Amino acid sequence: MKKVELELLALSESNASVHSYAVVLGEKGGRRKLPIIIGSFEAQAIAIELEKMKPARPLTHDLLLNFARAFELDLKEVLITDLREGVYFANLLWINHNEPGREWILDARTSDAIALAVRFACPIYTVESVLEQGAVDSDQADLFESGSLAEEPDLTPSSASDSAQEPSFHQHSLKALEQELKEALNDEDYEKAAQIRDLIQNRRKSGEA
């Protein structure tokens, strides 16, 4: 079975359904992209790690990372194995540093597998049959993306009522925003933290204080 390595290209709000997100995986050295619709919890789990945000307490995927390290286990790779009726399937390949050559393969939801892959810094693969079914070319993939990870992924479901209730941070100084971010993380309010983080990044890019 020939494996095709993928890289995580984008994470953005999806138009497919309310409170859903699209993670876009790209074929290394190729034009094909694999857009996968995931839930808001999994999207936040991926984004928090990519942005190196530190939750006050470990999230589920962080807990599994800590557990694996405590028992000298490592996630060697993620393999997206199948696409059936619009649902992706994935396997996790685990190894034990104390038992060279011994490996375990466990089933996982693809969204959870990706969230773990970014924490363990392990490669993500798929097979040609999955790409043939689910991949789009670079131009079509733009329909699923509202921005790249290097820019500003919108991690918070938006609605008119939500925005009316949310406090405005735009008048705060950069120092005040950093304090607000710290408090949001301590309160485990990751949606608020993502908003403040994006605003801080914009301020720093524009040189505002």
C-alpha atoms as a PDB file:
ATOM      1  CA  MET A   1       0.000   0.000   0.000  1.00  0.00           C
ATOM      2  CA  LYS A   2       1.578   3.235  -1.152  1.00  0.00           C
ATOM      3  CA  LYS A   3       1.205   6.079   1.310  1.00  0.00           C
ATOM      4  CA  VAL A   4       0.999   9.749   0.357  1.00  0.00           C
ATOM      5  CA  GLU A   5       2.289  12.278   2.891  1.00  0.00           C
ATOM      6  CA  LEU A   6       0.085  15.255   3.700  1.00  0.00           C
ATOM      7  CA  GLU A   7       0.719  18.596   5.375  1.00  0.00           C
ATOM      8  CA  LEU A   8      -1.712  20.741   7.309  1.00  0.00           C
ATOM      9  CA  LEU A   9      -2.384  23.821   5.188  1.00  0.00           C
ATOM     10  CA  ALA A  10      -5.405  25.603   6.598  1.00  0.00           C
ATOM     11  CA  LEU A  11      -8.017  25.650   9.310  1.00  0.00           C
ATOM     12  CA  SER A  12     -11.024  27.861   8.790  1.00  0.00           C
ATOM     13  CA  GLU A  13     -14.716  28.215   9.469  1.00  0.00           C
ATOM     14  CA  SER A  14     -16.738  26.125   7.040  1.00  0.00           C
ATOM     15  CA  ASN A  15     -19.874  27.058   5.164  1.00  0.00           C
ATOM     16  CA  ALA A  16     -20.967  23.412   5.162  1.00  0.00           C
ATOM     17  CA  SER A  17     -22.925  23.673   8.421  1.00  0.00           C
ATOM     18  CA  VAL A  18     -23.307  25.812  11.510  1.00  0.00           C
ATOM     19  CA  HIS A  19     -20.407  25.645  13.967  1.00  0.00           C
ATOM     20  CA  SER A  20     -18.301  23.442  11.695  1.00  0.00           C
ATOM     21  CA  TYR A  21     -14.780  23.992  10.436  1.00  0.00           C
ATOM     22  CA  ALA A  22     -12.669  22.806   7.534  1.00  0.00           C
ATOM     23  CA  VAL A  23      -9.160  21.495   8.003  1.00  0.00           C
ATOM     24  CA  VAL A  24      -7.329  21.328   4.682  1.00  0.00           C
ATOM     25  CA  LEU A  25      -4.528  18.808   4.187  1.00  0.00           C
ATOM     26  CA  GLY A  26      -2.311  19.160   1.134  1.00  0.00           C
ATOM     27  CA  GLU A  27      -0.408  16.535  -0.799  1.00  0.00           C
ATOM     28  CA  LYS A  28       3.324  17.125  -0.300  1.00  0.00           C
ATOM     29  CA  GLY A  29       4.844  17.951  -3.648  1.00  0.00           C
ATOM     30  CA  GLY A  30       1.456  17.922  -5.378  1.00  0.00           C
ATOM     31  CA  ARG A  31      -1.588  20.082  -6.088  1.00  0.00           C
ATOM     32  CA  ARG A  32      -4.278  17.939  -4.511  1.00  0.00           C
ATOM     33  CA  LYS A  33      -5.876  19.052  -1.251  1.00  0.00           C
ATOM     34  CA  LEU A  34      -8.077  17.112   1.120  1.00  0.00           C
ATOM     35  CA  PRO A  35     -10.688  19.279   2.894  1.00  0.00           C
ATOM     36  CA  ILE A  36     -12.191  17.607   5.968  1.00  0.00           C
ATOM     37  CA  ILE A  37     -15.140  19.049   7.892  1.00  0.00           C
ATOM     38  CA  ILE A  38     -14.643  18.853  11.677  1.00  0.00           C
ATOM     39  CA  GLY A  39     -16.413  20.124  14.779  1.00  0.00           C
ATOM     40  CA  SER A  40     -15.607  23.262  16.759  1.00  0.00           C
ATOM     41  CA  PHE A  41     -14.060  21.388  19.704  1.00  0.00           C
ATOM     42  CA  GLU A  42     -11.613  19.534  17.464  1.00  0.00           C
ATOM     43  CA  ALA A  43     -10.849  22.724  15.515  1.00  0.00           C
ATOM     44  CA  GLN A  44      -9.984  24.527  18.737  1.00  0.00           C
ATOM     45  CA  ALA A  45      -7.856  21.586  19.899  1.00  0.00           C
ATOM     46  CA  ILE A  46      -5.821  21.801  16.687  1.00  0.00           C
ATOM     47  CA  ALA A  47      -5.578  25.600  16.696  1.00  0.00           C
ATOM     48  CA  ILE A  48      -4.542  25.873  20.356  1.00  0.00           C
ATOM     49  CA  GLU A  49      -1.545  23.630  19.706  1.00  0.00           C
ATOM     50  CA  LEU A  50      -0.586  25.321  16.442  1.00  0.00           C
ATOM     51  CA  GLU A  51      -0.694  28.723  18.123  1.00  0.00           C
ATOM     52  CA  LYS A  52       1.181  27.368  21.179  1.00  0.00           C
ATOM     53  CA  MET A  53      -1.517  28.609  23.536  1.00  0.00           C
ATOM     54  CA  LYS A  54      -1.258  27.136  27.030  1.00  0.00           C
ATOM     55  CA  PRO A  55      -4.581  26.119  28.604  1.00  0.00           C
ATOM     56  CA  ALA A  56      -4.850  26.397  32.381  1.00  0.00           C
ATOM     57  CA  ARG A  57      -5.534  22.646  32.496  1.00  0.00           C
ATOM     58  CA  PRO A  58      -4.689  20.002  29.875  1.00  0.00           C
ATOM     59  CA  LEU A  59      -7.277  19.334  27.195  1.00  0.00           C
ATOM     60  CA  THR A  60      -8.149  15.745  26.273  1.00  0.00           C
ATOM     61  CA  HIS A  61      -5.490  15.542  23.555  1.00  0.00           C
ATOM     62  CA  ASP A  62      -2.896  17.094  25.869  1.00  0.00           C
ATOM     63  CA  LEU A  63      -3.773  14.515  28.517  1.00  0.00           C
ATOM     64  CA  LEU A  64      -3.126  11.703  26.040  1.00  0.00           C
ATOM     65  CA  LEU A  65       0.206  13.312  25.096  1.00  0.00           C
ATOM     66  CA  ASN A  66       1.228  13.471  28.772  1.00  0.00           C
ATOM     67  CA  PHE A  67       0.097   9.882  29.322  1.00  0.00           C
ATOM     68  CA  ALA A  68       2.115   8.652  26.340  1.00  0.00           C
ATOM     69  CA  ARG A  69       5.239  10.469  27.469  1.00  0.00           C
ATOM     70  CA  ALA A  70       4.897   9.079  31.005  1.00  0.00           C
ATOM     71  CA  PHE A  71       4.948   5.515  29.615  1.00  0.00           C
ATOM     72  CA  GLU A  72       7.525   6.257  26.880  1.00  0.00           C
ATOM     73  CA  LEU A  73       5.050   5.793  24.060  1.00  0.00           C
ATOM     74  CA  ASP A  74       5.191   7.804  20.877  1.00  0.00           C
ATOM     75  CA  LEU A  75       2.832   8.401  17.979  1.00  0.00           C
ATOM     76  CA  LYS A  76       4.840   7.431  14.915  1.00  0.00           C
ATOM     77  CA  GLU A  77       2.315   8.398  12.247  1.00  0.00           C
ATOM     78  CA  VAL A  78      -1.318   9.073  11.399  1.00  0.00           C
ATOM     79  CA  LEU A  79      -2.824   7.313   8.393  1.00  0.00           C
ATOM     80  CA  ILE A  80      -6.154   8.356   6.879  1.00  0.00           C
ATOM     81  CA  THR A  81      -7.242   4.984   5.596  1.00  0.00           C
ATOM     82  CA  ASP A  82     -10.678   5.321   4.064  1.00  0.00           C
ATOM     83  CA  LEU A  83     -13.530   7.583   3.025  1.00  0.00           C
ATOM     84  CA  ARG A  84     -16.969   6.009   3.236  1.00  0.00           C
ATOM     85  CA  GLU A  85     -20.256   7.866   2.799  1.00  0.00           C
ATOM     86  CA  GLY A  86     -18.561  11.178   3.484  1.00  0.00           C
ATOM     87  CA  VAL A  87     -16.812   9.970   6.661  1.00  0.00           C
ATOM     88  CA  TYR A  88     -13.025   9.723   6.917  1.00  0.00           C
ATOM     89  CA  PHE A  89     -11.374   6.929   8.900  1.00  0.00           C
ATOM     90  CA  ALA A  90      -7.904   7.046  10.424  1.00  0.00           C
ATOM     91  CA  ASN A  91      -5.378   4.858  12.220  1.00  0.00           C
ATOM     92  CA  LEU A  92      -2.788   5.800  14.822  1.00  0.00           C
ATOM     93  CA  LEU A  93       0.533   3.951  14.742  1.00  0.00           C
ATOM     94  CA  TRP A  94       2.052   3.815  18.238  1.00  0.00           C
ATOM     95  CA  ILE A  95       5.508   2.650  19.269  1.00  0.00           C
ATOM     96  CA  ASN A  96       7.108   1.944  22.639  1.00  0.00           C
ATOM     97  CA  HIS A  97      10.680   3.170  23.117  1.00  0.00           C
ATOM     98  CA  ASN A  98      11.285   0.370  25.634  1.00  0.00           C
ATOM     99  CA  GLU A  99      10.271  -2.328  23.131  1.00  0.00           C
ATOM    100  CA  PRO A 100      11.924  -1.628  19.765  1.00  0.00           C
ATOM    101  CA  GLY A 101      10.052  -3.111  16.853  1.00  0.00           C
ATOM    102  CA  ARG A 102       6.740  -3.402  18.672  1.00  0.00           C
ATOM    103  CA  GLU A 103       3.906  -1.326  17.237  1.00  0.00           C
ATOM    104  CA  TRP A 104       0.189  -0.839  17.894  1.00  0.00           C
ATOM    105  CA  ILE A 105      -2.421   0.392  15.448  1.00  0.00           C
ATOM    106  CA  LEU A 106      -5.532   2.016  16.892  1.00  0.00           C
ATOM    107  CA  ASP A 107      -8.609   3.404  15.146  1.00  0.00           C
ATOM    108  CA  ALA A 108      -9.405   7.076  15.645  1.00  0.00           C
ATOM    109  CA  ARG A 109     -11.626   9.805  14.350  1.00  0.00           C
ATOM    110  CA  THR A 110      -9.682  11.741  11.752  1.00  0.00           C
ATOM    111  CA  SER A 111     -10.177  15.060  13.571  1.00  0.00           C
ATOM    112  CA  ASP A 112      -8.747  13.576  16.791  1.00  0.00           C
ATOM    113  CA  ALA A 113      -5.909  11.987  14.830  1.00  0.00           C
ATOM    114  CA  ILE A 114      -4.929  15.363  13.358  1.00  0.00           C
ATOM    115  CA  ALA A 115      -5.119  17.041  16.787  1.00  0.00           C
ATOM    116  CA  LEU A 116      -2.741  14.382  18.116  1.00  0.00           C
ATOM    117  CA  ALA A 117      -0.445  14.602  15.093  1.00  0.00           C
ATOM    118  CA  VAL A 118       0.247  18.291  15.690  1.00  0.00           C
ATOM    119  CA  ARG A 119       1.042  17.577  19.359  1.00  0.00           C
ATOM    120  CA  PHE A 120       3.364  14.655  18.663  1.00  0.00           C
ATOM    121  CA  ALA A 121       4.823  16.373  15.575  1.00  0.00           C
ATOM    122  CA  CYS A 122       4.338  13.168  13.585  1.00  0.00           C
ATOM    123  CA  PRO A 123       3.615  12.843   9.847  1.00  0.00           C
ATOM    124  CA  ILE A 124       0.127  12.473   8.414  1.00  0.00           C
ATOM    125  CA  TYR A 125      -0.404  10.094   5.484  1.00  0.00           C
ATOM    126  CA  THR A 126      -3.252   8.873   3.369  1.00  0.00           C
ATOM    127  CA  VAL A 127      -3.672   6.403   0.511  1.00  0.00           C
ATOM    128  CA  GLU A 128      -4.328   7.052  -3.147  1.00  0.00           C
ATOM    129  CA  SER A 129      -7.907   5.751  -3.013  1.00  0.00           C
ATOM    130  CA  VAL A 130      -8.820   8.398  -0.408  1.00  0.00           C
ATOM    131  CA  LEU A 131      -7.286  11.165  -2.502  1.00  0.00           C
ATOM    132  CA  GLU A 132      -9.128   9.931  -5.585  1.00  0.00           C
ATOM    133  CA  GLN A 133     -12.446  10.183  -3.725  1.00  0.00           C
ATOM    134  CA  GLY A 134     -12.022  13.250  -1.576  1.00  0.00           C
ATOM    135  CA  ALA A 135      -9.258  15.451  -2.958  1.00  0.00           C
ATOM    136  CA  VAL A 136      -9.778  18.679  -4.867  1.00  0.00           C
ATOM    137  CA  ASP A 137      -7.246  20.730  -6.796  1.00  0.00           C
ATOM    138  CA  SER A 138      -5.754  23.947  -5.446  1.00  0.00           C
ATOM    139  CA  ASP A 139      -8.371  26.203  -7.048  1.00  0.00           C
ATOM    140  CA  GLN A 140     -11.333  24.220  -5.731  1.00  0.00           C
ATOM    141  CA  ALA A 141      -9.811  24.073  -2.254  1.00  0.00           C
ATOM    142  CA  ASP A 142     -10.158  27.847  -1.994  1.00  0.00           C
ATOM    143  CA  LEU A 143     -13.905  27.292  -1.537  1.00  0.00           C
ATOM    144  CA  PHE A 144     -13.152  25.618   1.793  1.00  0.00           C
ATOM    145  CA  GLU A 145     -10.603  28.143   3.038  1.00  0.00           C
ATOM    146  CA  SER A 146     -11.160  31.600   4.461  1.00  0.00           C
ATOM    147  CA  GLY A 147      -7.500  32.010   5.367  1.00  0.00           C
ATOM    148  CA  SER A 148      -4.269  30.100   5.876  1.00  0.00           C
ATOM    149  CA  LEU A 149      -2.849  29.070   9.219  1.00  0.00           C
ATOM    150  CA  ALA A 150      -0.086  31.607   8.778  1.00  0.00           C
ATOM    151  CA  GLU A 151      -2.688  34.337   8.733  1.00  0.00           C
ATOM    152  CA  GLU A 152      -5.794  34.537  10.890  1.00  0.00           C
ATOM    153  CA  PRO A 153      -8.051  31.462  11.190  1.00  0.00           C
ATOM    154  CA  ASP A 154     -11.485  32.393  12.480  1.00  0.00           C
ATOM    155  CA  LEU A 155     -11.973  29.897  15.296  1.00  0.00           C
ATOM    156  CA  THR A 156     -15.170  31.270  16.776  1.00  0.00           C
ATOM    157  CA  PRO A 157     -18.661  30.575  15.399  1.00  0.00           C
ATOM    158  CA  SER A 158     -20.155  33.933  14.544  1.00  0.00           C
ATOM    159  CA  SER A 159     -23.708  35.218  14.653  1.00  0.00           C
ATOM    160  CA  ALA A 160     -25.349  38.614  15.059  1.00  0.00           C
ATOM    161  CA  SER A 161     -26.525  37.835  18.579  1.00  0.00           C
ATOM    162  CA  ASP A 162     -23.107  36.521  19.660  1.00  0.00           C
ATOM    163  CA  SER A 163     -21.245  39.573  18.423  1.00  0.00           C
ATOM    164  CA  ALA A 164     -23.722  41.874  20.151  1.00  0.00           C
ATOM    165  CA  GLN A 165     -23.024  40.192  23.491  1.00  0.00           C
ATOM    166  CA  GLU A 166     -19.244  39.925  23.180  1.00  0.00           C
ATOM    167  CA  PRO A 167     -17.168  42.749  24.714  1.00  0.00           C
ATOM    168  CA  SER A 168     -15.097  44.854  22.350  1.00  0.00           C
ATOM    169  CA  PHE A 169     -11.348  44.684  22.925  1.00  0.00           C
ATOM    170  CA  HIS A 170     -10.382  46.989  20.075  1.00  0.00           C
ATOM    171  CA  GLN A 171      -9.885  50.000  22.375  1.00  0.00           C
ATOM    172  CA  HIS A 172      -7.580  48.119  24.756  1.00  0.00           C
ATOM    173  CA  SER A 173      -3.828  48.613  24.757  1.00  0.00           C
ATOM    174  CA  LEU A 174      -1.555  45.755  23.708  1.00  0.00           C
ATOM    175  CA  LYS A 175      -0.532  45.221  27.327  1.00  0.00           C
ATOM    176  CA  ALA A 176      -4.187  45.078  28.391  1.00  0.00           C
ATOM    177  CA  LEU A 177      -4.953  42.617  25.613  1.00  0.00           C
ATOM    178  CA  GLU A 178      -2.138  40.334  26.758  1.00  0.00           C
ATOM    179  CA  GLN A 179      -3.599  40.372  30.267  1.00  0.00           C
ATOM    180  CA  GLU A 180      -7.080  39.635  28.867  1.00  0.00           C
ATOM    181  CA  LEU A 181      -5.606  36.693  26.929  1.00  0.00           C
ATOM    182  CA  LYS A 182      -3.989  35.308  30.071  1.00  0.00           C
ATOM    183  CA  GLU A 183      -7.258  35.582  32.003  1.00  0.00           C
ATOM    184  CA  ALA A 184      -9.248  33.947  29.190  1.00  0.00           C
ATOM    185  CA  LEU A 185      -6.852  30.982  29.179  1.00  0.00           C
ATOM    186  CA  ASN A 186      -7.057  30.685  32.956  1.00  0.00           C
ATOM    187  CA  ASP A 187     -10.861  30.674  32.672  1.00  0.00           C
ATOM    188  CA  GLU A 188     -10.624  28.080  29.871  1.00  0.00           C
ATOM    189  CA  ASP A 189     -12.599  30.401  27.586  1.00  0.00           C
ATOM    190  CA  TYR A 190     -10.806  29.376  24.416  1.00  0.00           C
ATOM    191  CA  GLU A 191     -13.173  31.086  21.998  1.00  0.00           C
ATOM    192  CA  LYS A 192     -12.536  34.434  23.705  1.00  0.00           C
ATOM    193  CA  ALA A 193      -8.806  33.656  23.846  1.00  0.00           C
ATOM    194  CA  ALA A 194      -8.734  32.997  20.098  1.00  0.00           C
ATOM    195  CA  GLN A 195     -10.386  36.364  19.404  1.00  0.00           C
ATOM    196  CA  ILE A 196      -7.944  38.255  21.612  1.00  0.00           C
ATOM    197  CA  ARG A 197      -4.970  36.347  20.197  1.00  0.00           C
ATOM    198  CA  ASP A 198      -5.927  37.320  16.648  1.00  0.00           C
ATOM    199  CA  LEU A 199      -6.301  40.960  17.661  1.00  0.00           C
ATOM    200  CA  ILE A 200      -2.874  40.933  19.332  1.00  0.00           C
ATOM    201  CA  GLN A 201      -1.326  39.475  16.180  1.00  0.00           C
ATOM    202  CA  ASN A 202      -2.926  42.197  14.057  1.00  0.00           C
ATOM    203  CA  ARG A 203      -1.676  44.920  16.402  1.00  0.00           C
ATOM    204  CA  ARG A 204       1.876  43.556  16.305  1.00  0.00           C
ATOM    205  CA  LYS A 205       1.848  43.295  12.520  1.00  0.00           C
ATOM    206  CA  SER A 206       0.726  46.920  12.194  1.00  0.00           C
ATOM    207  CA  GLY A 207       3.104  48.131  14.913  1.00  0.00           C
ATOM    208  CA  GLU A 208       0.318  49.459  17.154  1.00  0.00           C
ATOM    209  CA  ALA A 209       0.756  49.634  20.909  1.00  0.00           C
END
